[in-house]
């Protein structure tokens, strides 16, 4: 499972003209599910993201987590995080999970974040979405559940 997280002052996702998810301060999470992923990957990334110290403390150091700041997360599915561009000019997505298992693990991830006390908003799985955000810092971090060592 892969995630791109961005520290934001605000973010929202729309389908057509309708806003389906919106947050203030917190994290924008673009989440990709791989073919080999299972519930343990979702739990690992949820724990990591909820407690990652990327928010500033009173001294201006990145020393506070999403949980500690009572921030929210906007989670949007993003199978293109598994795009392989090593050959040719068009990405291949062979390592991305098929839609049905990917949706199930996406939902497990969202539930795991909520279980850790994070308010979560979401996009619409497999929909064409427009994502808007204000990246603060900027802070952008790549996470991959396969790289746990």
Foldseek 3Di string as FASTA:
>chain_A
DKKKKFFFQKKFKDFVPHTQWIFGTDIEIADFAWQPDDLVLLLVVLVCQQAPQQDQDPVGDSGGHCVRVLGAYEYEYDLCVQFDDPDDHGTDRNGTHPQPVRVVSSVSNVVSNVVSVHHYTYDDRPGDMDMDTGGPPGDIDMDDSVPPD
